[in-house]
């Protein structure tokens, strides 16, 4: 079984029944990851696998700390013995260090999981922040607004996502610029 096939099966088993909307979002993020194939080269399958797995830490069967990047990455590492690069991408997806800081878990995340290559971190962030909870494409601005509205501006998630907004926009621009160069033959 290939990496992506395994990742889809695992994510579906953890999210589809208890959290169908989260599963739909994960499928949308994976679809966005596939669309970045032209700039990912040999890492296309790796990013798609991480994309479909990025939110498994929300699964009630995995939630330990309540911080889904950390819970998901620990499960992938400890129970699934998953590819280390996939684990690191899940652990650090979408500015997770900033949210970990809000939750008092930054030291745990930093010491347990090294960052993956910046271009792949950017790519996964882009895929997550351009996909709605219902799995459709959106803009980073609209996605950020939706997150703040859903959680509230003064919650842990609301505060973190507002702090992360400049990096989310910058990473999205970097990915968009890379795709533009490939699309126009540059």
N, C-alpha and C. Protein backbone atom coordinates (compact mmCIF):
# COMPACT_ATOMS: atom_id res chain seq x y z
N UNK A 1 0.84 -1.18 0.00
CA UNK A 1 0.00 0.00 0.00
C UNK A 1 0.89 1.25 0.00
N UNK A 2 0.57 2.19 -0.86
CA UNK A 2 1.33 3.41 -0.96
C UNK A 2 1.03 4.39 0.17
N UNK A 3 1.86 5.39 0.30
CA UNK A 3 1.74 6.37 1.38
C UNK A 3 0.39 7.08 1.35
N UNK A 4 -0.02 7.57 0.19
CA UNK A 4 -1.27 8.32 0.15
C UNK A 4 -2.48 7.40 0.39
N UNK A 5 -2.45 6.20 -0.16
CA UNK A 5 -3.56 5.27 0.04
C UNK A 5 -3.71 4.97 1.54
N UNK A 6 -2.59 4.70 2.20
CA UNK A 6 -2.60 4.46 3.64
C UNK A 6 -3.16 5.67 4.39
N UNK A 7 -2.70 6.86 4.01
CA UNK A 7 -3.11 8.09 4.71
C UNK A 7 -4.61 8.33 4.58
N UNK A 8 -5.15 8.15 3.39
CA UNK A 8 -6.59 8.34 3.19
C UNK A 8 -7.39 7.36 4.05
N UNK A 9 -6.99 6.11 4.04
CA UNK A 9 -7.69 5.10 4.82
C UNK A 9 -7.66 5.39 6.31
N UNK A 10 -6.50 5.79 6.81
CA UNK A 10 -6.37 6.09 8.23
C UNK A 10 -7.20 7.32 8.61
N UNK A 11 -7.09 8.37 7.82
CA UNK A 11 -7.83 9.59 8.11
C UNK A 11 -9.34 9.33 8.08
N UNK A 12 -9.78 8.60 7.08
CA UNK A 12 -11.21 8.28 6.99
C UNK A 12 -11.68 7.50 8.22
N UNK A 13 -10.87 6.53 8.65
CA UNK A 13 -11.26 5.70 9.80
C UNK A 13 -11.35 6.52 11.08
N UNK A 14 -10.59 7.60 11.18
CA UNK A 14 -10.57 8.42 12.40
C UNK A 14 -11.54 9.59 12.38
N UNK A 15 -11.89 10.06 11.17
CA UNK A 15 -12.67 11.29 11.09
C UNK A 15 -14.07 11.14 10.49
N UNK A 16 -14.26 10.22 9.56
CA UNK A 16 -15.50 10.23 8.77
C UNK A 16 -16.77 10.06 9.61
N UNK A 17 -16.75 9.19 10.58
CA UNK A 17 -17.97 9.00 11.38
C UNK A 17 -18.09 9.99 12.54
N UNK A 18 -17.05 10.16 13.36
CA UNK A 18 -17.26 11.07 14.49
C UNK A 18 -17.27 12.55 14.07
N UNK A 19 -16.56 12.89 12.99
CA UNK A 19 -16.40 14.29 12.57
C UNK A 19 -16.49 14.41 11.05
N UNK A 20 -17.68 14.17 10.47
CA UNK A 20 -17.80 14.16 9.01
C UNK A 20 -17.39 15.47 8.33
N UNK A 21 -17.66 16.60 8.97
CA UNK A 21 -17.26 17.87 8.37
C UNK A 21 -15.75 18.02 8.36
N UNK A 22 -15.09 17.56 9.41
CA UNK A 22 -13.62 17.61 9.47
C UNK A 22 -13.04 16.69 8.40
N UNK A 23 -13.67 15.56 8.16
CA UNK A 23 -13.24 14.64 7.11
C UNK A 23 -13.38 15.30 5.74
N UNK A 24 -14.51 15.97 5.52
CA UNK A 24 -14.73 16.67 4.25
C UNK A 24 -13.67 17.76 4.05
N UNK A 25 -13.38 18.50 5.11
CA UNK A 25 -12.32 19.52 5.04
C UNK A 25 -10.99 18.87 4.69
N UNK A 26 -10.65 17.76 5.34
CA UNK A 26 -9.38 17.08 5.07
C UNK A 26 -9.28 16.62 3.62
N UNK A 27 -10.38 16.14 3.08
CA UNK A 27 -10.39 15.75 1.66
C UNK A 27 -10.15 16.96 0.76
N UNK A 28 -10.74 18.08 1.12
CA UNK A 28 -10.52 19.31 0.35
C UNK A 28 -9.08 19.79 0.42
N UNK A 29 -8.48 19.69 1.60
CA UNK A 29 -7.08 20.09 1.76
C UNK A 29 -6.18 19.17 0.93
N UNK A 30 -6.49 17.88 0.92
CA UNK A 30 -5.70 16.94 0.11
C UNK A 30 -5.86 17.24 -1.38
N UNK A 31 -7.05 17.62 -1.80
CA UNK A 31 -7.27 17.99 -3.21
C UNK A 31 -6.42 19.20 -3.58
N UNK A 32 -6.37 20.17 -2.68
CA UNK A 32 -5.52 21.35 -2.92
C UNK A 32 -4.05 20.93 -3.00
N UNK A 33 -3.65 19.99 -2.15
CA UNK A 33 -2.27 19.51 -2.19
C UNK A 33 -1.96 18.88 -3.54
N UNK A 34 -2.88 18.10 -4.07
CA UNK A 34 -2.67 17.50 -5.40
C UNK A 34 -2.48 18.57 -6.47
N UNK A 35 -3.19 19.69 -6.31
CA UNK A 35 -3.09 20.76 -7.31
C UNK A 35 -1.71 21.42 -7.31
N UNK A 36 -0.94 21.22 -6.24
CA UNK A 36 0.40 21.81 -6.15
C UNK A 36 1.48 20.89 -6.71
N UNK A 37 1.09 19.78 -7.27
CA UNK A 37 2.04 18.82 -7.83
C UNK A 37 3.15 19.44 -8.67
N UNK A 38 2.84 20.43 -9.53
CA UNK A 38 3.89 21.01 -10.37
C UNK A 38 5.06 21.65 -9.60
N UNK A 39 4.83 22.07 -8.35
CA UNK A 39 5.93 22.68 -7.60
C UNK A 39 6.49 21.74 -6.53
N UNK A 40 5.89 20.57 -6.39
CA UNK A 40 6.32 19.66 -5.32
C UNK A 40 7.25 18.56 -5.78
N UNK A 41 7.22 18.21 -7.05
CA UNK A 41 8.09 17.16 -7.56
C UNK A 41 7.92 15.86 -6.81
N UNK A 42 9.03 15.31 -6.34
CA UNK A 42 9.02 14.02 -5.64
C UNK A 42 8.31 14.06 -4.30
N UNK A 43 7.99 15.25 -3.78
CA UNK A 43 7.31 15.38 -2.50
C UNK A 43 5.79 15.52 -2.63
N UNK A 44 5.25 15.33 -3.82
CA UNK A 44 3.81 15.48 -4.03
C UNK A 44 3.00 14.50 -3.18
N UNK A 45 3.39 13.23 -3.18
CA UNK A 45 2.67 12.24 -2.38
C UNK A 45 2.81 12.52 -0.89
N UNK A 46 3.98 12.93 -0.48
CA UNK A 46 4.22 13.27 0.92
C UNK A 46 3.27 14.37 1.38
N UNK A 47 3.16 15.43 0.59
CA UNK A 47 2.29 16.54 0.99
C UNK A 47 0.83 16.11 0.97
N UNK A 48 0.42 15.34 -0.02
CA UNK A 48 -0.97 14.90 -0.06
C UNK A 48 -1.30 14.03 1.16
N UNK A 49 -0.40 13.16 1.53
CA UNK A 49 -0.60 12.32 2.72
C UNK A 49 -0.73 13.18 3.97
N UNK A 50 0.17 14.14 4.14
CA UNK A 50 0.10 15.03 5.30
C UNK A 50 -1.18 15.85 5.28
N UNK A 51 -1.60 16.27 4.10
CA UNK A 51 -2.82 17.08 3.98
C UNK A 51 -4.06 16.32 4.44
N UNK A 52 -4.19 15.09 4.02
CA UNK A 52 -5.38 14.33 4.41
C UNK A 52 -5.33 13.93 5.88
N UNK A 53 -4.13 13.88 6.45
CA UNK A 53 -3.96 13.51 7.86
C UNK A 53 -3.88 14.69 8.82
N UNK A 54 -3.77 15.90 8.31
CA UNK A 54 -3.41 17.04 9.16
C UNK A 54 -4.34 17.26 10.36
N UNK A 55 -5.61 16.89 10.25
CA UNK A 55 -6.55 17.15 11.33
C UNK A 55 -6.98 15.90 12.11
N UNK A 56 -6.26 14.79 11.97
CA UNK A 56 -6.69 13.58 12.68
C UNK A 56 -6.65 13.74 14.19
N UNK A 57 -5.87 14.68 14.68
CA UNK A 57 -5.79 14.91 16.12
C UNK A 57 -7.08 15.40 16.74
N UNK A 58 -8.04 15.81 15.90
CA UNK A 58 -9.38 16.17 16.39
C UNK A 58 -10.21 14.94 16.73
N UNK A 59 -9.82 13.78 16.21
CA UNK A 59 -10.60 12.57 16.44
C UNK A 59 -10.75 12.32 17.95
N UNK A 60 -11.96 12.07 18.42
CA UNK A 60 -12.14 11.82 19.85
C UNK A 60 -11.28 10.66 20.37
N UNK A 61 -10.96 9.72 19.51
CA UNK A 61 -10.14 8.59 19.95
C UNK A 61 -8.67 8.95 20.13
N UNK A 62 -8.26 10.11 19.60
CA UNK A 62 -6.85 10.52 19.69
C UNK A 62 -6.63 11.71 20.62
N UNK A 63 -7.65 12.49 20.85
CA UNK A 63 -7.50 13.74 21.59
C UNK A 63 -7.03 13.47 23.02
N UNK A 64 -5.84 13.93 23.33
CA UNK A 64 -5.27 13.79 24.68
C UNK A 64 -5.06 15.18 25.27
N UNK A 65 -4.31 16.02 24.56
CA UNK A 65 -4.02 17.36 25.06
C UNK A 65 -5.09 18.37 24.65
N UNK A 66 -5.86 18.03 23.61
CA UNK A 66 -6.82 18.98 23.06
C UNK A 66 -6.19 19.89 22.02
N UNK A 67 -4.92 19.68 21.73
CA UNK A 67 -4.20 20.44 20.70
C UNK A 67 -3.97 19.47 19.55
N UNK A 68 -4.78 19.59 18.51
CA UNK A 68 -4.83 18.56 17.47
C UNK A 68 -3.52 18.32 16.71
N UNK A 69 -2.69 19.33 16.42
CA UNK A 69 -1.44 19.00 15.74
C UNK A 69 -0.54 18.07 16.57
N UNK A 70 -0.46 18.33 17.86
CA UNK A 70 0.38 17.53 18.74
C UNK A 70 -0.22 16.13 18.93
N UNK A 71 -1.53 16.06 19.19
CA UNK A 71 -2.18 14.76 19.38
C UNK A 71 -2.08 13.90 18.12
N UNK A 72 -2.32 14.51 16.97
CA UNK A 72 -2.24 13.77 15.71
C UNK A 72 -0.83 13.28 15.41
N UNK A 73 0.15 14.17 15.61
CA UNK A 73 1.54 13.80 15.33
C UNK A 73 2.03 12.70 16.28
N UNK A 74 1.67 12.81 17.54
CA UNK A 74 2.07 11.76 18.49
C UNK A 74 1.47 10.41 18.12
N UNK A 75 0.21 10.40 17.72
CA UNK A 75 -0.43 9.15 17.29
C UNK A 75 0.29 8.57 16.07
N UNK A 76 0.55 9.43 15.10
CA UNK A 76 1.23 8.95 13.88
C UNK A 76 2.61 8.39 14.20
N UNK A 77 3.33 9.04 15.07
CA UNK A 77 4.67 8.59 15.44
C UNK A 77 4.62 7.34 16.32
N UNK A 78 3.81 7.36 17.36
CA UNK A 78 3.86 6.32 18.38
C UNK A 78 3.03 5.08 18.04
N UNK A 79 1.90 5.27 17.41
CA UNK A 79 1.02 4.14 17.12
C UNK A 79 1.14 3.63 15.69
N UNK A 80 1.32 4.54 14.76
CA UNK A 80 1.36 4.17 13.34
C UNK A 80 2.79 4.03 12.80
N UNK A 81 3.76 4.53 13.54
CA UNK A 81 5.16 4.52 13.08
C UNK A 81 5.26 5.07 11.65
N UNK A 82 4.58 6.20 11.48
CA UNK A 82 4.45 6.83 10.16
C UNK A 82 5.77 7.47 9.72
N UNK A 83 5.84 7.74 8.44
CA UNK A 83 6.96 8.46 7.84
C UNK A 83 7.22 9.73 8.66
N UNK A 84 8.47 9.93 9.07
CA UNK A 84 8.83 11.04 9.93
C UNK A 84 8.48 12.39 9.31
N UNK A 85 8.60 12.51 8.01
CA UNK A 85 8.31 13.79 7.37
C UNK A 85 6.82 14.10 7.41
N UNK A 86 5.99 13.09 7.24
CA UNK A 86 4.55 13.28 7.36
C UNK A 86 4.22 13.71 8.80
N UNK A 87 4.80 13.03 9.76
CA UNK A 87 4.56 13.34 11.17
C UNK A 87 4.94 14.80 11.45
N UNK A 88 6.09 15.23 10.97
CA UNK A 88 6.54 16.61 11.22
C UNK A 88 5.62 17.63 10.56
N UNK A 89 5.14 17.33 9.37
CA UNK A 89 4.21 18.25 8.71
C UNK A 89 2.90 18.35 9.48
N UNK A 90 2.38 17.23 9.93
CA UNK A 90 1.15 17.25 10.73
C UNK A 90 1.39 18.04 12.02
N UNK A 91 2.50 17.80 12.67
CA UNK A 91 2.80 18.47 13.94
C UNK A 91 2.86 19.98 13.79
N UNK A 92 3.38 20.44 12.69
CA UNK A 92 3.63 21.88 12.53
C UNK A 92 2.72 22.55 11.52
N UNK A 93 1.61 21.92 11.17
CA UNK A 93 0.78 22.53 10.13
C UNK A 93 0.13 23.83 10.59
N UNK A 94 0.07 24.75 9.66
CA UNK A 94 -0.67 26.00 9.81
C UNK A 94 -0.30 26.79 11.07
N UNK A 95 0.98 27.06 11.20
CA UNK A 95 1.51 27.90 12.30
C UNK A 95 1.22 27.30 13.67
N UNK A 96 1.32 26.00 13.78
CA UNK A 96 1.00 25.31 15.03
C UNK A 96 1.84 25.80 16.21
N UNK A 97 3.06 26.24 15.97
CA UNK A 97 3.87 26.72 17.09
C UNK A 97 3.22 27.90 17.81
N UNK A 98 2.56 28.76 17.04
CA UNK A 98 1.89 29.91 17.66
C UNK A 98 0.71 29.46 18.52
N UNK A 99 -0.06 28.50 18.01
CA UNK A 99 -1.17 28.00 18.82
C UNK A 99 -0.65 27.23 20.04
N UNK A 100 0.42 26.48 19.83
CA UNK A 100 1.02 25.74 20.95
C UNK A 100 1.44 26.70 22.05
N UNK A 101 1.97 27.83 21.65
CA UNK A 101 2.37 28.85 22.63
C UNK A 101 1.16 29.33 23.43
N UNK A 102 0.05 29.59 22.76
CA UNK A 102 -1.19 30.00 23.44
C UNK A 102 -1.65 28.95 24.45
N UNK A 103 -1.38 27.69 24.15
CA UNK A 103 -1.84 26.59 24.98
C UNK A 103 -0.81 26.13 26.01
N UNK A 104 0.36 26.76 26.01
CA UNK A 104 1.41 26.34 26.94
C UNK A 104 2.08 25.04 26.52
N UNK A 105 2.03 24.72 25.23
CA UNK A 105 2.59 23.45 24.72
C UNK A 105 3.71 23.65 23.70
N UNK A 106 4.18 24.88 23.57
CA UNK A 106 5.21 25.14 22.55
C UNK A 106 6.47 24.31 22.78
N UNK A 107 6.92 24.23 24.02
CA UNK A 107 8.14 23.47 24.32
C UNK A 107 7.96 22.00 23.90
N UNK A 108 6.81 21.43 24.21
CA UNK A 108 6.55 20.03 23.83
C UNK A 108 6.63 19.86 22.32
N UNK A 109 5.94 20.73 21.58
CA UNK A 109 5.92 20.62 20.13
C UNK A 109 7.30 20.81 19.53
N UNK A 110 8.00 21.82 19.99
CA UNK A 110 9.35 22.11 19.46
C UNK A 110 10.36 21.01 19.74
N UNK A 111 10.30 20.44 20.94
CA UNK A 111 11.30 19.44 21.30
C UNK A 111 10.99 18.07 20.73
N UNK A 112 9.71 17.76 20.55
CA UNK A 112 9.35 16.44 20.02
C UNK A 112 9.41 16.35 18.50
N UNK A 113 9.16 17.46 17.81
CA UNK A 113 9.02 17.41 16.36
C UNK A 113 9.78 18.55 15.70
N UNK A 114 10.77 18.20 14.91
CA UNK A 114 11.51 19.20 14.14
C UNK A 114 10.63 19.72 13.01
N UNK A 115 10.93 20.94 12.58
CA UNK A 115 10.23 21.51 11.43
C UNK A 115 10.66 20.78 10.15
N UNK A 116 9.73 20.66 9.24
CA UNK A 116 10.01 20.12 7.92
C UNK A 116 10.52 21.28 7.05
N UNK A 117 10.93 20.98 5.84
CA UNK A 117 11.42 22.00 4.92
C UNK A 117 10.41 23.14 4.77
N UNK A 118 10.87 24.39 4.80
CA UNK A 118 9.95 25.53 4.75
C UNK A 118 9.00 25.53 3.55
N UNK A 119 9.44 25.10 2.39
CA UNK A 119 8.55 25.12 1.23
C UNK A 119 7.39 24.14 1.40
N UNK A 120 7.62 23.03 2.09
CA UNK A 120 6.54 22.07 2.34
C UNK A 120 5.63 22.55 3.45
N UNK A 121 6.19 23.20 4.46
CA UNK A 121 5.38 23.80 5.53
C UNK A 121 4.46 24.86 4.91
N UNK A 122 5.02 25.69 4.04
CA UNK A 122 4.22 26.70 3.34
C UNK A 122 3.10 26.05 2.53
N UNK A 123 3.45 24.99 1.82
CA UNK A 123 2.46 24.34 0.94
C UNK A 123 1.29 23.78 1.74
N UNK A 124 1.57 23.13 2.87
CA UNK A 124 0.48 22.57 3.67
C UNK A 124 -0.35 23.69 4.30
N UNK A 125 0.30 24.73 4.76
CA UNK A 125 -0.42 25.89 5.30
C UNK A 125 -1.34 26.46 4.24
N UNK A 126 -0.82 26.64 3.04
CA UNK A 126 -1.61 27.16 1.92
C UNK A 126 -2.84 26.29 1.65
N UNK A 127 -2.63 24.99 1.62
CA UNK A 127 -3.75 24.07 1.34
C UNK A 127 -4.81 24.17 2.42
N UNK A 128 -4.41 24.22 3.67
CA UNK A 128 -5.35 24.31 4.79
C UNK A 128 -6.07 25.65 4.79
N UNK A 129 -5.36 26.71 4.55
CA UNK A 129 -5.93 28.06 4.65
C UNK A 129 -6.61 28.53 3.38
N UNK A 130 -6.70 27.66 2.37
CA UNK A 130 -7.48 27.98 1.18
C UNK A 130 -8.60 26.94 0.98
N UNK A 131 -8.94 26.25 2.08
CA UNK A 131 -10.01 25.24 2.04
C UNK A 131 -10.97 25.51 3.19
N UNK A 132 -12.25 25.59 2.86
CA UNK A 132 -13.28 25.84 3.87
C UNK A 132 -13.50 24.58 4.72
N UNK A 133 -14.23 24.73 5.83
CA UNK A 133 -14.58 23.54 6.61
C UNK A 133 -15.38 22.51 5.80
N UNK A 134 -16.05 22.97 4.75
CA UNK A 134 -16.84 22.07 3.89
C UNK A 134 -16.05 21.56 2.69
N UNK A 135 -14.76 21.84 2.66
CA UNK A 135 -13.90 21.27 1.63
C UNK A 135 -13.81 22.03 0.33
N UNK A 136 -14.41 23.20 0.26
CA UNK A 136 -14.34 23.98 -0.98
C UNK A 136 -13.21 25.00 -0.91
N UNK A 137 -12.84 25.48 -2.08
CA UNK A 137 -11.74 26.43 -2.17
C UNK A 137 -12.18 27.81 -1.67
N UNK A 138 -11.27 28.51 -1.03
CA UNK A 138 -11.52 29.86 -0.53
C UNK A 138 -10.22 30.65 -0.58
N UNK A 139 -10.26 31.87 -0.10
CA UNK A 139 -9.05 32.69 0.00
C UNK A 139 -8.55 32.65 1.44
N UNK A 140 -7.27 32.91 1.65
CA UNK A 140 -6.78 32.98 3.03
C UNK A 140 -7.53 34.01 3.87
N UNK A 141 -7.85 35.16 3.30
CA UNK A 141 -8.57 36.19 4.05
C UNK A 141 -9.93 35.68 4.52
N UNK A 142 -10.67 35.06 3.61
CA UNK A 142 -11.99 34.55 3.99
C UNK A 142 -11.88 33.41 4.99
N UNK A 143 -10.87 32.58 4.84
CA UNK A 143 -10.68 31.46 5.77
C UNK A 143 -10.34 31.98 7.17
N UNK A 144 -9.47 32.96 7.25
CA UNK A 144 -9.12 33.54 8.54
C UNK A 144 -10.35 34.17 9.20
N UNK A 145 -11.14 34.90 8.41
CA UNK A 145 -12.36 35.50 8.94
C UNK A 145 -13.32 34.43 9.46
N UNK A 146 -13.45 33.35 8.72
CA UNK A 146 -14.34 32.26 9.11
C UNK A 146 -13.88 31.63 10.43
N UNK A 147 -12.58 31.43 10.58
CA UNK A 147 -12.06 30.83 11.81
C UNK A 147 -12.31 31.74 13.02
N UNK A 148 -12.02 33.02 12.86
CA UNK A 148 -12.25 33.97 13.97
C UNK A 148 -13.74 34.02 14.32
N UNK A 149 -14.59 34.03 13.31
CA UNK A 149 -16.03 34.06 13.57
C UNK A 149 -16.50 32.78 14.25
N UNK A 150 -16.00 31.64 13.81
CA UNK A 150 -16.43 30.36 14.36
C UNK A 150 -16.00 30.19 15.82
N UNK A 151 -14.75 30.55 16.12
CA UNK A 151 -14.22 30.34 17.46
C UNK A 151 -14.39 31.54 18.39
N UNK A 152 -14.43 32.74 17.80
CA UNK A 152 -14.48 33.96 18.58
C UNK A 152 -13.10 34.58 18.69
N UNK A 153 -13.01 35.92 18.64
CA UNK A 153 -11.71 36.58 18.61
C UNK A 153 -10.90 36.47 19.90
N UNK A 154 -11.56 36.21 21.01
CA UNK A 154 -10.86 36.17 22.29
C UNK A 154 -10.61 34.76 22.81
N UNK A 155 -10.82 33.76 21.98
CA UNK A 155 -10.53 32.37 22.36
C UNK A 155 -9.08 32.05 22.02
N UNK A 156 -8.61 30.91 22.47
CA UNK A 156 -7.24 30.49 22.13
C UNK A 156 -7.05 30.46 20.62
N UNK A 157 -7.97 29.82 19.92
CA UNK A 157 -7.85 29.71 18.46
C UNK A 157 -7.99 31.08 17.81
N UNK A 158 -8.93 31.88 18.28
CA UNK A 158 -9.10 33.22 17.72
C UNK A 158 -7.87 34.09 17.87
N UNK A 159 -7.29 34.07 19.06
CA UNK A 159 -6.06 34.87 19.30
C UNK A 159 -4.91 34.37 18.43
N UNK A 160 -4.73 33.04 18.43
CA UNK A 160 -3.62 32.48 17.67
C UNK A 160 -3.74 32.79 16.18
N UNK A 161 -4.93 32.60 15.62
CA UNK A 161 -5.08 32.76 14.17
C UNK A 161 -4.88 34.22 13.77
N UNK A 162 -5.26 35.13 14.63
CA UNK A 162 -5.02 36.55 14.34
C UNK A 162 -3.53 36.87 14.38
N UNK A 163 -2.81 36.27 15.32
CA UNK A 163 -1.35 36.44 15.37
C UNK A 163 -0.68 35.81 14.15
N UNK A 164 -1.24 34.69 13.69
CA UNK A 164 -0.65 33.95 12.58
C UNK A 164 -0.98 34.55 11.21
N UNK A 165 -1.96 35.44 11.15
CA UNK A 165 -2.43 35.97 9.86
C UNK A 165 -1.31 36.48 8.95
N UNK A 166 -0.37 37.28 9.44
CA UNK A 166 0.68 37.75 8.53
C UNK A 166 1.48 36.60 7.91
N UNK A 167 1.81 35.58 8.69
CA UNK A 167 2.56 34.45 8.15
C UNK A 167 1.70 33.62 7.19
N UNK A 168 0.43 33.48 7.48
CA UNK A 168 -0.47 32.74 6.59
C UNK A 168 -0.54 33.44 5.24
N UNK A 169 -0.69 34.76 5.24
CA UNK A 169 -0.73 35.50 3.98
C UNK A 169 0.61 35.42 3.25
N UNK A 170 1.71 35.53 3.99
CA UNK A 170 3.04 35.47 3.36
C UNK A 170 3.29 34.09 2.75
N UNK A 171 2.97 33.04 3.48
CA UNK A 171 3.17 31.68 2.95
C UNK A 171 2.29 31.44 1.73
N UNK A 172 1.06 31.91 1.78
CA UNK A 172 0.15 31.74 0.64
C UNK A 172 0.69 32.47 -0.58
N UNK A 173 1.25 33.65 -0.37
CA UNK A 173 1.84 34.39 -1.49
C UNK A 173 3.05 33.64 -2.05
N UNK A 174 3.88 33.09 -1.17
CA UNK A 174 5.05 32.34 -1.65
C UNK A 174 4.63 31.15 -2.50
N UNK A 175 3.62 30.43 -2.05
CA UNK A 175 3.14 29.27 -2.82
C UNK A 175 2.53 29.74 -4.14
N UNK A 176 1.71 30.77 -4.08
CA UNK A 176 1.11 31.31 -5.31
C UNK A 176 2.17 31.77 -6.30
N UNK A 177 3.21 32.42 -5.81
CA UNK A 177 4.30 32.87 -6.69
C UNK A 177 5.00 31.69 -7.33
N UNK A 178 5.25 30.63 -6.57
CA UNK A 178 5.90 29.44 -7.12
C UNK A 178 5.03 28.79 -8.19
N UNK A 179 3.72 28.72 -7.94
CA UNK A 179 2.81 28.13 -8.92
C UNK A 179 2.75 28.99 -10.18
N UNK A 180 2.77 30.31 -10.02
CA UNK A 180 2.73 31.21 -11.18
C UNK A 180 3.94 31.01 -12.08
N UNK A 181 5.09 30.81 -11.47
CA UNK A 181 6.31 30.60 -12.26
C UNK A 181 6.23 29.31 -13.07
N UNK A 182 5.64 28.28 -12.48
CA UNK A 182 5.50 27.00 -13.20
C UNK A 182 4.47 27.14 -14.30
N UNK A 183 3.35 27.83 -13.98
CA UNK A 183 2.25 27.98 -14.93
C UNK A 183 2.67 28.78 -16.15
N UNK A 184 3.45 29.84 -15.96
CA UNK A 184 3.85 30.67 -17.09
C UNK A 184 5.18 30.21 -17.70
N UNK A 185 5.69 29.11 -17.19
CA UNK A 185 6.90 28.54 -17.78
C UNK A 185 8.17 29.16 -17.28
N UNK A 186 8.11 29.88 -16.13
CA UNK A 186 9.29 30.56 -15.61
C UNK A 186 10.05 29.68 -14.76
